Amino acid sequence: MENRRRGIFLLPNLFTTAALFAGFYAIVAGMNSRYEGAAIAIFIAMILDGMDGRIARLTGTQSDFGGHYDSLSDMVCFGLAPALVMYQWSLFGLGKLGWLAAFIYAAAAALRLARYNTQAGTADKRYFQGLSSPAAAALIAGIIWLGESYGLMDGTTVIPLAFCITVAAGLLMVSNIRYHSFKQLDLKGRVPFVAVLIVVLAFVFVSIEPALVLFTLFMLYALSGPVMTLAGLRKHRAARKSIETSTETDSR
């Protein structure tokens, strides 16, 4: 029997390690009251986290070790870091209610990641069940970055808003609401020239007011799930009502 080769794939795990470093830095920056830097670090971790999996698939370097390492990194970057930075930024003003809200978010992120790992082989790749932890972290980091950029430090408005966003993001992560995953996008195939132009314009658009644009985009994404769910339920009820009406007509 041939001995199995030991070792791990370096390239994708480098990106995972870099994402973990960014998440850890966000925590340290938050502890030192550098909240804008902490928020930016969380967004950097999001970019790196999105790259490691795609690079592993493109290069054929996927492994169980990489998958588990990525999940642990996600818990730090998108579970603990946003919760702790948000608590340090505003939730501490609510006392016990504040740290409980931060804990709800962190626990929800852990549950979301555990559910994703157990359903990875059977779930529909086109959709996420519940808001993904990076998107939830983007909501937290976005409101912090927005508040720091525009000086929104009035406790009577920011603290209740921060509390609501933190708890809502946590609940959406463990909900059964479906979100588009965008994993069906083919990055290896050819695209029209206009697609490249759209990407360039998107970068320009984000760079104008990054805090405002990113927070708005991820807030719209977070709302898209409940909106799609309600629209689907309404469509299903209308179809069922139409079937019942046609059945009653035929029975007469």
C-alpha atoms as a PDB file:
ATOM      1  CA  MET A   1       0.000   0.000   0.000  1.00  0.00           C
ATOM      2  CA  GLU A   2       1.354   3.351  -0.994  1.00  0.00           C
ATOM      3  CA  ASN A   3       1.947   5.870   1.759  1.00  0.00           C
ATOM      4  CA  ARG A   4      -0.310   8.862   1.524  1.00  0.00           C
ATOM      5  CA  ARG A   5       1.480  12.115   0.910  1.00  0.00           C
ATOM      6  CA  ARG A   6       1.399  14.367   3.929  1.00  0.00           C
ATOM      7  CA  GLY A   7       1.121  18.139   3.859  1.00  0.00           C
ATOM      8  CA  ILE A   8      -1.360  20.841   2.924  1.00  0.00           C
ATOM      9  CA  PHE A   9      -1.910  22.933  -0.159  1.00  0.00           C
ATOM     10  CA  LEU A  10      -0.136  26.235   0.327  1.00  0.00           C
ATOM     11  CA  LEU A  11      -1.848  28.671  -2.059  1.00  0.00           C
ATOM     12  CA  PRO A  12      -5.491  28.614  -0.884  1.00  0.00           C
ATOM     13  CA  ASN A  13      -4.470  28.355   2.770  1.00  0.00           C
ATOM     14  CA  LEU A  14      -2.297  31.451   2.393  1.00  0.00           C
ATOM     15  CA  PHE A  15      -5.418  33.424   1.516  1.00  0.00           C
ATOM     16  CA  THR A  16      -7.295  31.851   4.431  1.00  0.00           C
ATOM     17  CA  THR A  17      -4.451  32.802   6.781  1.00  0.00           C
ATOM     18  CA  ALA A  18      -4.448  36.349   5.407  1.00  0.00           C
ATOM     19  CA  ALA A  19      -8.215  36.564   6.006  1.00  0.00           C
ATOM     20  CA  LEU A  20      -7.712  35.290   9.562  1.00  0.00           C
ATOM     21  CA  PHE A  21      -5.021  37.915  10.108  1.00  0.00           C
ATOM     22  CA  ALA A  22      -7.395  40.651   8.875  1.00  0.00           C
ATOM     23  CA  GLY A  23     -10.118  39.447  11.243  1.00  0.00           C
ATOM     24  CA  PHE A  24      -7.738  39.320  14.179  1.00  0.00           C
ATOM     25  CA  TYR A  25      -6.441  42.786  13.310  1.00  0.00           C
ATOM     26  CA  ALA A  26     -10.036  44.067  13.292  1.00  0.00           C
ATOM     27  CA  ILE A  27     -10.443  42.883  16.886  1.00  0.00           C
ATOM     28  CA  VAL A  28      -7.174  44.493  17.973  1.00  0.00           C
ATOM     29  CA  ALA A  29      -8.031  47.746  16.160  1.00  0.00           C
ATOM     30  CA  GLY A  30     -11.444  47.820  17.831  1.00  0.00           C
ATOM     31  CA  MET A  31      -9.851  47.343  21.255  1.00  0.00           C
ATOM     32  CA  ASN A  32      -7.671  50.368  20.507  1.00  0.00           C
ATOM     33  CA  SER A  33     -10.642  52.495  19.341  1.00  0.00           C
ATOM     34  CA  ARG A  34      -9.552  52.458  15.679  1.00  0.00           C
ATOM     35  CA  TYR A  35     -13.003  51.547  14.467  1.00  0.00           C
ATOM     36  CA  GLU A  36     -12.685  52.654  10.860  1.00  0.00           C
ATOM     37  CA  GLY A  37      -9.574  50.514  10.439  1.00  0.00           C
ATOM     38  CA  ALA A  38     -11.386  47.609  12.102  1.00  0.00           C
ATOM     39  CA  ALA A  39     -14.325  47.897   9.706  1.00  0.00           C
ATOM     40  CA  ILE A  40     -12.040  48.063   6.677  1.00  0.00           C
ATOM     41  CA  ALA A  41     -10.147  44.999   7.925  1.00  0.00           C
ATOM     42  CA  ILE A  42     -13.404  43.026   8.034  1.00  0.00           C
ATOM     43  CA  PHE A  43     -14.139  43.955   4.421  1.00  0.00           C
ATOM     44  CA  ILE A  44     -10.594  42.913   3.455  1.00  0.00           C
ATOM     45  CA  ALA A  45     -11.193  39.590   5.191  1.00  0.00           C
ATOM     46  CA  MET A  46     -14.346  39.208   3.091  1.00  0.00           C
ATOM     47  CA  ILE A  47     -12.395  39.657  -0.129  1.00  0.00           C
ATOM     48  CA  LEU A  48      -9.697  37.198   0.926  1.00  0.00           C
ATOM     49  CA  ASP A  49     -12.284  34.682   2.115  1.00  0.00           C
ATOM     50  CA  GLY A  50     -14.033  34.843  -1.234  1.00  0.00           C
ATOM     51  CA  MET A  51     -10.759  34.233  -3.036  1.00  0.00           C
ATOM     52  CA  ASP A  52      -9.440  31.210  -1.163  1.00  0.00           C
ATOM     53  CA  GLY A  53     -12.295  28.900  -2.097  1.00  0.00           C
ATOM     54  CA  ARG A  54     -12.363  29.977  -5.730  1.00  0.00           C
ATOM     55  CA  ILE A  55      -8.592  29.616  -6.030  1.00  0.00           C
ATOM     56  CA  ALA A  56      -8.792  26.127  -4.516  1.00  0.00           C
ATOM     57  CA  ARG A  57     -11.452  25.117  -7.049  1.00  0.00           C
ATOM     58  CA  LEU A  58      -9.641  26.688 -10.003  1.00  0.00           C
ATOM     59  CA  THR A  59      -6.323  25.057  -9.115  1.00  0.00           C
ATOM     60  CA  GLY A  60      -7.728  21.735  -7.953  1.00  0.00           C
ATOM     61  CA  THR A  61      -6.295  22.170  -4.448  1.00  0.00           C
ATOM     62  CA  GLN A  62      -9.464  21.593  -2.415  1.00  0.00           C
ATOM     63  CA  SER A  63      -9.052  19.564   0.765  1.00  0.00           C
ATOM     64  CA  ASP A  64     -10.871  18.727   4.000  1.00  0.00           C
ATOM     65  CA  PHE A  65      -8.166  20.575   5.914  1.00  0.00           C
ATOM     66  CA  GLY A  66      -8.760  23.725   3.847  1.00  0.00           C
ATOM     67  CA  GLY A  67     -12.509  23.515   4.377  1.00  0.00           C
ATOM     68  CA  HIS A  68     -12.226  23.190   8.161  1.00  0.00           C
ATOM     69  CA  TYR A  69      -9.534  25.865   8.346  1.00  0.00           C
ATOM     70  CA  ASP A  70     -11.737  28.202   6.313  1.00  0.00           C
ATOM     71  CA  SER A  71     -14.670  27.662   8.696  1.00  0.00           C
ATOM     72  CA  LEU A  72     -12.548  28.465  11.745  1.00  0.00           C
ATOM     73  CA  SER A  73     -11.228  31.562  10.013  1.00  0.00           C
ATOM     74  CA  ASP A  74     -14.786  32.612   9.123  1.00  0.00           C
ATOM     75  CA  MET A  75     -15.825  32.336  12.768  1.00  0.00           C
ATOM     76  CA  VAL A  76     -13.098  34.769  13.778  1.00  0.00           C
ATOM     77  CA  CYS A  77     -13.489  37.137  10.830  1.00  0.00           C
ATOM     78  CA  PHE A  78     -17.294  37.207  10.498  1.00  0.00           C
ATOM     79  CA  GLY A  79     -18.454  36.052  13.922  1.00  0.00           C
ATOM     80  CA  LEU A  80     -16.217  37.265  16.730  1.00  0.00           C
ATOM     81  CA  ALA A  81     -14.631  40.301  15.063  1.00  0.00           C
ATOM     82  CA  PRO A  82     -17.877  42.084  14.044  1.00  0.00           C
ATOM     83  CA  ALA A  83     -19.530  41.281  17.375  1.00  0.00           C
ATOM     84  CA  LEU A  84     -16.627  42.536  19.499  1.00  0.00           C
ATOM     85  CA  VAL A  85     -15.957  45.631  17.388  1.00  0.00           C
ATOM     86  CA  MET A  86     -19.651  46.552  17.379  1.00  0.00           C
ATOM     87  CA  TYR A  87     -19.841  46.099  21.152  1.00  0.00           C
ATOM     88  CA  GLN A  88     -16.780  48.252  21.678  1.00  0.00           C
ATOM     89  CA  TRP A  89     -18.075  50.896  19.239  1.00  0.00           C
ATOM     90  CA  SER A  90     -21.601  51.375  20.557  1.00  0.00           C
ATOM     91  CA  LEU A  91     -23.324  48.424  22.222  1.00  0.00           C
ATOM     92  CA  PHE A  92     -21.405  48.827  25.486  1.00  0.00           C
ATOM     93  CA  GLY A  93     -23.644  51.830  26.119  1.00  0.00           C
ATOM     94  CA  LEU A  94     -26.586  49.452  26.628  1.00  0.00           C
ATOM     95  CA  GLY A  95     -24.882  47.530  29.420  1.00  0.00           C
ATOM     96  CA  LYS A  96     -25.934  43.896  29.711  1.00  0.00           C
ATOM     97  CA  LEU A  97     -28.357  44.236  26.789  1.00  0.00           C
ATOM     98  CA  GLY A  98     -25.462  45.349  24.608  1.00  0.00           C
ATOM     99  CA  TRP A  99     -23.166  42.397  25.211  1.00  0.00           C
ATOM    100  CA  LEU A 100     -26.117  40.013  24.937  1.00  0.00           C
ATOM    101  CA  ALA A 101     -26.864  41.427  21.478  1.00  0.00           C
ATOM    102  CA  ALA A 102     -23.223  40.929  20.501  1.00  0.00           C
ATOM    103  CA  PHE A 103     -23.366  37.357  21.832  1.00  0.00           C
ATOM    104  CA  ILE A 104     -26.536  36.627  19.847  1.00  0.00           C
ATOM    105  CA  TYR A 105     -24.717  37.676  16.698  1.00  0.00           C
ATOM    106  CA  ALA A 106     -21.585  35.614  17.500  1.00  0.00           C
ATOM    107  CA  ALA A 107     -23.602  32.524  18.420  1.00  0.00           C
ATOM    108  CA  ALA A 108     -25.739  32.885  15.292  1.00  0.00           C
ATOM    109  CA  ALA A 109     -22.597  33.072  13.149  1.00  0.00           C
ATOM    110  CA  ALA A 110     -21.305  29.833  14.714  1.00  0.00           C
ATOM    111  CA  LEU A 111     -24.644  28.098  14.149  1.00  0.00           C
ATOM    112  CA  ARG A 112     -24.800  29.409  10.580  1.00  0.00           C
ATOM    113  CA  LEU A 113     -21.331  28.062   9.776  1.00  0.00           C
ATOM    114  CA  ALA A 114     -22.090  24.692  11.396  1.00  0.00           C
ATOM    115  CA  ARG A 115     -25.318  24.343   9.403  1.00  0.00           C
ATOM    116  CA  TYR A 116     -23.559  25.315   6.184  1.00  0.00           C
ATOM    117  CA  ASN A 117     -20.853  22.689   6.733  1.00  0.00           C
ATOM    118  CA  THR A 118     -23.374  19.913   7.399  1.00  0.00           C
ATOM    119  CA  GLN A 119     -25.456  20.811   4.331  1.00  0.00           C
ATOM    120  CA  ALA A 120     -22.588  21.567   1.950  1.00  0.00           C
ATOM    121  CA  GLY A 121     -22.991  18.329   0.009  1.00  0.00           C
ATOM    122  CA  THR A 122     -26.770  18.445  -0.411  1.00  0.00           C
ATOM    123  CA  ALA A 123     -27.786  22.126  -0.480  1.00  0.00           C
ATOM    124  CA  ASP A 124     -28.707  23.966  -3.672  1.00  0.00           C
ATOM    125  CA  LYS A 125     -25.531  25.811  -4.678  1.00  0.00           C
ATOM    126  CA  ARG A 126     -27.553  28.667  -6.187  1.00  0.00           C
ATOM    127  CA  TYR A 127     -28.872  29.776  -2.802  1.00  0.00           C
ATOM    128  CA  PHE A 128     -27.782  30.259   0.787  1.00  0.00           C
ATOM    129  CA  GLN A 129     -30.101  29.130   3.563  1.00  0.00           C
ATOM    130  CA  GLY A 130     -30.040  32.201   5.749  1.00  0.00           C
ATOM    131  CA  LEU A 131     -27.881  35.272   5.362  1.00  0.00           C
ATOM    132  CA  SER A 132     -24.241  34.307   4.856  1.00  0.00           C
ATOM    133  CA  SER A 133     -21.854  35.228   7.661  1.00  0.00           C
ATOM    134  CA  PRO A 134     -19.676  37.483   5.422  1.00  0.00           C
ATOM    135  CA  ALA A 135     -22.753  39.459   4.342  1.00  0.00           C
ATOM    136  CA  ALA A 136     -23.893  39.781   7.960  1.00  0.00           C
ATOM    137  CA  ALA A 137     -20.416  40.960   8.942  1.00  0.00           C
ATOM    138  CA  ALA A 138     -20.559  43.497   6.114  1.00  0.00           C
ATOM    139  CA  LEU A 139     -23.702  44.999   7.665  1.00  0.00           C
ATOM    140  CA  ILE A 140     -21.945  45.377  11.008  1.00  0.00           C
ATOM    141  CA  ALA A 141     -18.711  46.709   9.511  1.00  0.00           C
ATOM    142  CA  GLY A 142     -20.650  48.946   7.139  1.00  0.00           C
ATOM    143  CA  ILE A 143     -22.608  50.788   9.824  1.00  0.00           C
ATOM    144  CA  ILE A 144     -19.425  51.228  11.881  1.00  0.00           C
ATOM    145  CA  TRP A 145     -17.489  52.588   8.898  1.00  0.00           C
ATOM    146  CA  LEU A 146     -20.423  54.817   7.968  1.00  0.00           C
ATOM    147  CA  GLY A 147     -20.709  56.153  11.503  1.00  0.00           C
ATOM    148  CA  GLU A 148     -17.003  56.901  11.712  1.00  0.00           C
ATOM    149  CA  SER A 149     -16.899  58.538   8.280  1.00  0.00           C
ATOM    150  CA  TYR A 150     -19.892  60.819   8.856  1.00  0.00           C
ATOM    151  CA  GLY A 151     -19.482  61.402  12.586  1.00  0.00           C
ATOM    152  CA  LEU A 152     -22.736  59.662  13.504  1.00  0.00           C
ATOM    153  CA  MET A 153     -21.870  59.238  17.132  1.00  0.00           C
ATOM    154  CA  ASP A 154     -25.099  60.523  18.707  1.00  0.00           C
ATOM    155  CA  GLY A 155     -25.954  57.823  21.212  1.00  0.00           C
ATOM    156  CA  THR A 156     -29.703  58.387  20.973  1.00  0.00           C
ATOM    157  CA  THR A 157     -29.716  57.303  17.320  1.00  0.00           C
ATOM    158  CA  VAL A 158     -26.632  55.165  16.717  1.00  0.00           C
ATOM    159  CA  ILE A 159     -26.951  52.811  19.703  1.00  0.00           C
ATOM    160  CA  PRO A 160     -30.552  51.695  18.966  1.00  0.00           C
ATOM    161  CA  LEU A 161     -29.701  51.348  15.266  1.00  0.00           C
ATOM    162  CA  ALA A 162     -26.573  49.333  16.055  1.00  0.00           C
ATOM    163  CA  PHE A 163     -28.563  47.098  18.400  1.00  0.00           C
ATOM    164  CA  CYS A 164     -31.271  46.434  15.805  1.00  0.00           C
ATOM    165  CA  ILE A 165     -28.792  45.716  12.992  1.00  0.00           C
ATOM    166  CA  THR A 166     -26.715  43.377  15.181  1.00  0.00           C
ATOM    167  CA  VAL A 167     -29.689  41.325  16.363  1.00  0.00           C
ATOM    168  CA  ALA A 168     -31.364  41.328  12.934  1.00  0.00           C
ATOM    169  CA  ALA A 169     -28.168  40.177  11.211  1.00  0.00           C
ATOM    170  CA  GLY A 170     -27.834  37.345  13.712  1.00  0.00           C
ATOM    171  CA  LEU A 171     -31.439  36.212  13.277  1.00  0.00           C
ATOM    172  CA  LEU A 172     -31.213  36.360   9.495  1.00  0.00           C
ATOM    173  CA  MET A 173     -28.138  34.112   9.563  1.00  0.00           C
ATOM    174  CA  VAL A 174     -30.019  31.308  11.350  1.00  0.00           C
ATOM    175  CA  SER A 175     -33.274  31.809   9.453  1.00  0.00           C
ATOM    176  CA  ASN A 176     -34.520  29.619   6.599  1.00  0.00           C
ATOM    177  CA  ILE A 177     -34.780  32.590   4.248  1.00  0.00           C
ATOM    178  CA  ARG A 178     -33.040  31.942   0.936  1.00  0.00           C
ATOM    179  CA  TYR A 179     -30.464  34.299  -0.550  1.00  0.00           C
ATOM    180  CA  HIS A 180     -28.811  34.171  -3.947  1.00  0.00           C
ATOM    181  CA  SER A 181     -25.278  32.827  -3.575  1.00  0.00           C
ATOM    182  CA  PHE A 182     -23.981  34.016  -6.998  1.00  0.00           C
ATOM    183  CA  LYS A 183     -21.878  30.851  -7.111  1.00  0.00           C
ATOM    184  CA  GLN A 184     -23.226  30.083 -10.567  1.00  0.00           C
ATOM    185  CA  LEU A 185     -21.145  32.918 -12.010  1.00  0.00           C
ATOM    186  CA  ASP A 186     -18.548  31.498 -14.397  1.00  0.00           C
ATOM    187  CA  LEU A 187     -15.253  33.290 -13.781  1.00  0.00           C
ATOM    188  CA  LYS A 188     -13.323  31.046 -16.165  1.00  0.00           C
ATOM    189  CA  GLY A 189     -15.438  31.629 -19.255  1.00  0.00           C
ATOM    190  CA  ARG A 190     -15.377  34.512 -21.712  1.00  0.00           C
ATOM    191  CA  VAL A 191     -17.553  37.553 -21.059  1.00  0.00           C
ATOM    192  CA  PRO A 192     -18.645  40.460 -23.286  1.00  0.00           C
ATOM    193  CA  PHE A 193     -16.451  43.545 -23.286  1.00  0.00           C
ATOM    194  CA  VAL A 194     -19.257  45.547 -21.677  1.00  0.00           C
ATOM    195  CA  ALA A 195     -19.033  43.271 -18.607  1.00  0.00           C
ATOM    196  CA  VAL A 196     -15.463  44.428 -17.995  1.00  0.00           C
ATOM    197  CA  LEU A 197     -16.604  48.029 -18.362  1.00  0.00           C
ATOM    198  CA  ILE A 198     -19.354  47.452 -15.798  1.00  0.00           C
ATOM    199  CA  VAL A 199     -16.787  46.067 -13.339  1.00  0.00           C
ATOM    200  CA  VAL A 200     -14.610  49.155 -13.803  1.00  0.00           C
ATOM    201  CA  LEU A 201     -17.592  51.446 -13.253  1.00  0.00           C
ATOM    202  CA  ALA A 202     -18.538  49.476 -10.145  1.00  0.00           C
ATOM    203  CA  PHE A 203     -15.058  50.037  -8.669  1.00  0.00           C
ATOM    204  CA  VAL A 204     -15.321  53.756  -9.445  1.00  0.00           C
ATOM    205  CA  PHE A 205     -18.789  53.933  -7.902  1.00  0.00           C
ATOM    206  CA  VAL A 206     -17.647  52.237  -4.691  1.00  0.00           C
ATOM    207  CA  SER A 207     -14.513  54.378  -4.416  1.00  0.00           C
ATOM    208  CA  ILE A 208     -16.550  57.614  -4.407  1.00  0.00           C
ATOM    209  CA  GLU A 209     -18.136  56.904  -1.011  1.00  0.00           C
ATOM    210  CA  PRO A 210     -17.040  53.391   0.002  1.00  0.00           C
ATOM    211  CA  ALA A 211     -18.657  53.357   3.444  1.00  0.00           C
ATOM    212  CA  LEU A 212     -22.049  54.543   2.215  1.00  0.00           C
ATOM    213  CA  VAL A 213     -22.074  52.473  -0.977  1.00  0.00           C
ATOM    214  CA  LEU A 214     -20.970  49.209   0.645  1.00  0.00           C
ATOM    215  CA  PHE A 215     -23.384  49.533   3.541  1.00  0.00           C
ATOM    216  CA  THR A 216     -26.247  50.314   1.164  1.00  0.00           C
ATOM    217  CA  LEU A 217     -25.410  47.388  -1.124  1.00  0.00           C
ATOM    218  CA  PHE A 218     -25.258  44.859   1.692  1.00  0.00           C
ATOM    219  CA  MET A 219     -28.360  46.270   3.346  1.00  0.00           C
ATOM    220  CA  LEU A 220     -30.243  45.795   0.064  1.00  0.00           C
ATOM    221  CA  TYR A 221     -28.867  42.261  -0.177  1.00  0.00           C
ATOM    222  CA  ALA A 222     -29.973  41.504   3.388  1.00  0.00           C
ATOM    223  CA  LEU A 223     -33.474  42.793   2.581  1.00  0.00           C
ATOM    224  CA  SER A 224     -33.628  40.878  -0.707  1.00  0.00           C
ATOM    225  CA  GLY A 225     -34.089  37.562   1.106  1.00  0.00           C
ATOM    226  CA  PRO A 226     -37.250  38.483   3.039  1.00  0.00           C
ATOM    227  CA  VAL A 227     -38.623  40.303  -0.017  1.00  0.00           C
ATOM    228  CA  MET A 228     -38.077  37.240  -2.248  1.00  0.00           C
ATOM    229  CA  THR A 229     -39.609  35.000   0.410  1.00  0.00           C
ATOM    230  CA  LEU A 230     -42.725  37.155   0.745  1.00  0.00           C
ATOM    231  CA  ALA A 231     -43.055  37.398  -3.032  1.00  0.00           C
ATOM    232  CA  GLY A 232     -42.750  33.618  -3.324  1.00  0.00           C
ATOM    233  CA  LEU A 233     -45.372  33.049  -0.631  1.00  0.00           C
ATOM    234  CA  ARG A 234     -47.727  35.486  -2.312  1.00  0.00           C
ATOM    235  CA  LYS A 235     -47.226  33.772  -5.667  1.00  0.00           C
ATOM    236  CA  HIS A 236     -47.777  30.348  -4.092  1.00  0.00           C
ATOM    237  CA  ARG A 237     -50.994  31.486  -2.385  1.00  0.00           C
ATOM    238  CA  ALA A 238     -52.262  33.026  -5.622  1.00  0.00           C
ATOM    239  CA  ALA A 239     -51.536  29.785  -7.510  1.00  0.00           C
ATOM    240  CA  ARG A 240     -53.232  27.685  -4.826  1.00  0.00           C
ATOM    241  CA  LYS A 241     -56.248  29.978  -4.815  1.00  0.00           C
ATOM    242  CA  SER A 242     -56.457  29.719  -8.614  1.00  0.00           C
ATOM    243  CA  ILE A 243     -56.373  25.906  -8.411  1.00  0.00           C
ATOM    244  CA  GLU A 244     -59.083  25.883  -5.727  1.00  0.00           C
ATOM    245  CA  THR A 245     -61.242  28.208  -7.811  1.00  0.00           C
ATOM    246  CA  SER A 246     -60.879  26.072 -10.934  1.00  0.00           C
ATOM    247  CA  THR A 247     -61.646  22.928  -8.911  1.00  0.00           C
ATOM    248  CA  GLU A 248     -64.833  24.450  -7.528  1.00  0.00           C
ATOM    249  CA  THR A 249     -65.872  25.520 -11.039  1.00  0.00           C
ATOM    250  CA  ASP A 250     -65.348  22.022 -12.435  1.00  0.00           C
ATOM    251  CA  SER A 251     -67.323  20.416  -9.622  1.00  0.00           C
ATOM    252  CA  ARG A 252     -70.411  22.476 -10.360  1.00  0.00           C
END
